[in-house]
Protein backbone atom coordinates (compact mmCIF):
# COMPACT_ATOMS: atom_id res chain seq x y z
CA MET A 1 -2.52 51.53 -45.11
CA LYS A 2 -0.59 51.85 -41.84
CA GLN A 3 -3.83 50.82 -39.72
CA GLN A 4 -4.66 47.08 -40.32
CA ILE A 5 -7.89 45.44 -39.50
CA VAL A 6 -7.23 41.80 -38.48
CA GLY A 7 -10.06 39.26 -38.87
CA SER A 8 -8.18 36.15 -38.98
CA LEU A 9 -5.05 34.54 -38.86
CA SER A 10 -4.44 34.48 -42.98
CA ASP A 11 -4.55 38.59 -42.67
CA LEU A 12 -1.60 38.23 -40.36
CA ASP A 13 -0.25 35.84 -42.95
CA ARG A 14 -0.67 38.09 -45.72
CA LEU A 15 1.20 41.07 -43.59
CA GLU A 16 4.04 38.83 -42.75
CA SER A 17 4.41 38.08 -46.54
CA ALA A 18 4.28 41.86 -47.56
CA VAL A 19 7.55 42.37 -45.12
CA ILE A 20 9.05 39.59 -46.35
CA ALA A 21 8.55 40.59 -50.04
CA SER A 22 9.71 44.09 -49.44
CA ALA A 23 13.01 42.73 -47.73
CA GLU A 24 13.69 40.38 -50.72
CA ALA A 25 13.18 43.78 -52.96
CA THR A 26 15.48 45.28 -50.94
CA ILE A 27 18.36 42.56 -50.65
CA GLY A 28 18.24 42.23 -54.44
CA MET A 29 18.67 46.25 -54.79
CA LEU A 30 21.76 45.82 -52.21
CA LYS A 31 23.29 43.31 -53.85
CA GLU A 32 23.51 45.40 -57.26
CA LEU A 33 24.36 48.52 -55.20
CA LEU A 34 27.06 46.69 -53.46
CA ASN A 35 28.55 45.39 -56.94
CA SER A 36 28.14 48.51 -59.03
CA THR A 37 29.87 51.16 -56.57
CA SER A 38 32.41 52.01 -54.14
CA ALA A 39 32.08 51.10 -50.43
CA PHE A 40 31.50 54.66 -49.36
CA ASN A 41 29.08 55.68 -52.08
CA ALA A 42 27.17 52.38 -51.07
CA LEU A 43 27.25 53.64 -47.68
CA ALA A 44 25.90 57.13 -48.52
CA LEU A 45 23.09 56.02 -50.90
CA LEU A 46 21.79 53.60 -47.86
CA LYS A 47 22.13 56.66 -45.36
CA PHE A 48 20.52 59.34 -47.44
CA GLY A 49 18.78 57.56 -50.43
CA GLU A 50 15.68 56.35 -50.58
CA ILE A 51 16.41 52.82 -52.46
CA ASP A 52 14.74 50.32 -50.11
CA ARG A 53 11.11 49.62 -49.77
CA ASP A 54 8.30 49.97 -47.62
CA PRO A 55 7.68 46.86 -45.39
CA LEU A 56 3.89 46.79 -46.46
CA ASP A 57 4.55 48.28 -50.03
CA SER A 58 7.42 46.91 -52.01
CA THR A 59 6.85 49.50 -54.67
CA ARG A 60 7.06 52.51 -52.25
CA PRO A 61 10.95 53.82 -51.85
CA LEU A 62 12.13 54.06 -48.25
CA ASN A 63 15.49 54.68 -46.65
CA ILE A 64 17.02 51.54 -45.16
CA VAL A 65 17.19 52.70 -41.47
CA GLU A 66 13.37 53.31 -41.74
CA GLN A 67 12.75 50.04 -43.41
CA LEU A 68 14.97 47.88 -40.85
CA ASN A 69 13.24 49.68 -38.29
CA GLN A 70 9.64 49.05 -39.74
CA SER A 71 10.15 45.60 -40.93
CA PHE A 72 11.01 44.42 -37.23
CA THR A 73 8.67 46.37 -35.27
CA TYR A 74 5.82 45.41 -37.79
CA LEU A 75 6.98 41.68 -37.13
CA ALA A 76 6.81 42.14 -33.24
CA SER A 77 3.25 43.59 -33.93
CA ILE A 78 2.19 40.90 -36.09
CA GLY A 79 3.79 38.37 -33.33
CA ALA A 80 2.03 40.09 -30.60
CA ALA A 81 -1.37 39.81 -32.57
CA ARG A 82 -0.82 36.10 -33.11
CA TRP A 83 -0.16 35.59 -29.38
CA LEU A 84 -3.08 37.73 -28.43
CA LEU A 85 -5.37 35.59 -30.73
CA ALA A 86 -4.36 32.54 -29.29
CA GLN A 87 -5.38 33.79 -25.81
CA HIS A 88 -8.16 35.57 -26.87
CA PRO A 89 -9.73 34.15 -30.16
CA GLU A 90 -13.29 35.83 -29.20
CA CYS A 91 -11.64 39.43 -29.81
CA LEU A 92 -11.70 39.40 -33.20
CA PRO A 93 -10.79 41.54 -34.92
CA LEU A 94 -8.06 43.46 -33.93
CA VAL A 95 -6.58 46.68 -34.65
CA LEU A 96 -3.19 46.90 -35.79
CA ASN A 97 -1.52 50.38 -35.48
CA LEU A 98 1.67 50.39 -37.63
CA GLY A 99 4.01 52.98 -37.84
CA THR A 100 2.99 56.38 -37.17
CA ALA A 101 -0.90 55.24 -36.77
CA PRO A 102 -2.55 56.63 -33.56
CA GLY A 103 -3.32 54.55 -31.03
CA ALA A 104 -1.82 51.52 -29.10
CA ASP A 105 0.15 49.22 -31.36
CA VAL A 106 -2.29 46.15 -31.26
CA GLU A 107 -5.79 46.51 -29.60
CA SER A 108 -8.97 44.70 -29.41
CA LYS A 109 -12.11 46.11 -31.21
CA CYS A 110 -13.59 44.50 -27.98
CA GLY A 111 -11.73 46.58 -25.61
CA ARG A 112 -10.32 43.88 -23.63
CA PHE A 113 -6.91 44.30 -24.20
CA VAL A 114 -4.18 46.89 -25.56
CA ALA A 115 -0.76 46.20 -26.15
CA GLU A 116 2.59 48.04 -27.21
CA THR A 117 5.37 46.61 -29.15
CA PHE A 118 9.12 47.02 -30.52
CA ALA A 119 12.01 45.22 -31.76
CA ALA A 120 15.51 46.10 -30.38
CA THR A 121 19.05 44.92 -29.95
CA HIS A 122 18.22 44.82 -26.28
CA PRO A 123 15.14 45.50 -24.53
CA ASP A 124 16.82 48.12 -22.42
CA SER A 125 18.01 50.14 -25.30
CA ASN A 126 16.49 53.91 -25.44
CA ASP A 127 14.75 53.05 -22.16
CA LYS A 128 12.29 51.63 -24.70
CA LEU A 129 10.62 48.51 -22.54
CA ARG A 130 9.95 50.78 -19.65
CA ARG A 131 8.35 53.75 -21.78
CA ASP A 132 6.02 51.30 -23.42
CA VAL A 133 5.43 49.78 -19.92
CA ALA A 134 4.30 53.24 -18.66
CA LYS A 135 2.44 54.12 -21.68
CA VAL A 136 0.17 50.86 -21.81
CA ALA A 137 -0.19 51.20 -17.96
CA ALA A 138 -2.03 54.68 -18.64
CA LEU A 139 -4.37 53.01 -21.54
CA THR A 140 -7.77 51.42 -20.93
CA GLY A 141 -8.27 47.76 -21.16
CA GLU A 142 -8.85 44.51 -19.11
CA HIS A 143 -5.31 42.78 -20.17
CA LYS A 144 -2.73 45.47 -20.90
CA PHE A 145 0.67 44.03 -22.77
CA VAL A 146 4.02 45.18 -23.94
CA PHE A 147 5.52 42.56 -26.67
CA PHE A 148 9.21 42.79 -27.54
CA LEU A 149 11.43 41.34 -30.28
CA SER A 150 15.14 40.57 -29.34
CA PRO A 151 17.88 38.33 -29.50
CA VAL A 152 18.22 39.27 -25.91
CA ASP A 153 15.75 37.25 -23.60
CA THR A 154 15.46 39.26 -20.25
CA ARG A 155 13.17 39.10 -17.51
CA ARG A 156 11.54 42.21 -16.56
CA THR A 157 9.15 43.12 -13.98
CA ALA A 158 6.27 45.49 -14.69
CA PRO A 159 3.96 47.48 -12.68
CA THR A 160 0.57 45.34 -11.97
CA GLY A 161 -1.55 44.97 -14.78
CA VAL A 162 0.78 45.06 -17.39
CA THR A 163 2.32 41.78 -18.77
CA VAL A 164 5.71 41.90 -20.82
CA ILE A 165 6.21 39.37 -23.36
CA ARG A 166 9.75 38.18 -25.46
CA LEU A 167 8.55 37.20 -28.71
CA ASP A 168 9.83 34.08 -30.19
CA HIS A 169 10.47 34.29 -33.91
CA PRO A 170 12.64 32.21 -35.99
CA ILE A 171 14.78 35.12 -37.29
CA LEU A 172 15.78 35.11 -33.55
CA GLY A 173 17.46 31.35 -33.80
CA VAL A 174 19.73 33.08 -37.11
CA LEU A 175 20.55 35.82 -34.91
CA ALA A 176 21.52 33.37 -32.04
CA SER A 177 23.70 31.32 -34.41
CA ALA A 178 25.60 33.94 -36.20
CA LEU A 179 25.87 36.55 -33.27
CA GLY A 180 26.53 33.70 -30.58
CA ASP A 181 25.41 34.25 -27.29
CA VAL A 182 24.54 37.89 -27.31
CA ASP A 183 23.42 37.90 -23.76
CA ARG A 184 26.86 37.75 -22.39
CA ALA A 185 28.39 40.09 -25.20
CA LEU A 186 25.84 42.97 -24.10
CA PRO A 187 26.18 44.85 -20.81
């Protein structure tokens, strides 16, 4: 289930709806947890328990840290696929390799492009942007991309042949209003 074949925008809508459904199930469980146990017990259950949900299967238990990371990385892959379909509609179907599925995160079956995607508090966190640019530069494809989802909008240079794109997603507007100007808050 971690490799998804995308034949239309409705496939991307379905995937995004699954991520949202899992988030909603988790929030319901979090509300119950926070109302039924001590603060430290709640934190321990969040850290060590599988009380949350897989982003693509709201019935499968998962650790909250894994759910957070996977949910936003999946949203980045979905956003990248939307962008790529708008630019290259002739390249359907697309392959999304989510989670630990092998291959580039997004690739066209026609072989015209490959893309890596990630979500992070800052594009330079854990050197992720540089590592993904290096990874995609070594892949075969006419067009090579790295897409990222982050509240920090930074312009980055990449080697010739690799395009770096910060994805726009409604959740970033929510973060901006909740956190203030994160560009000034982060080094």
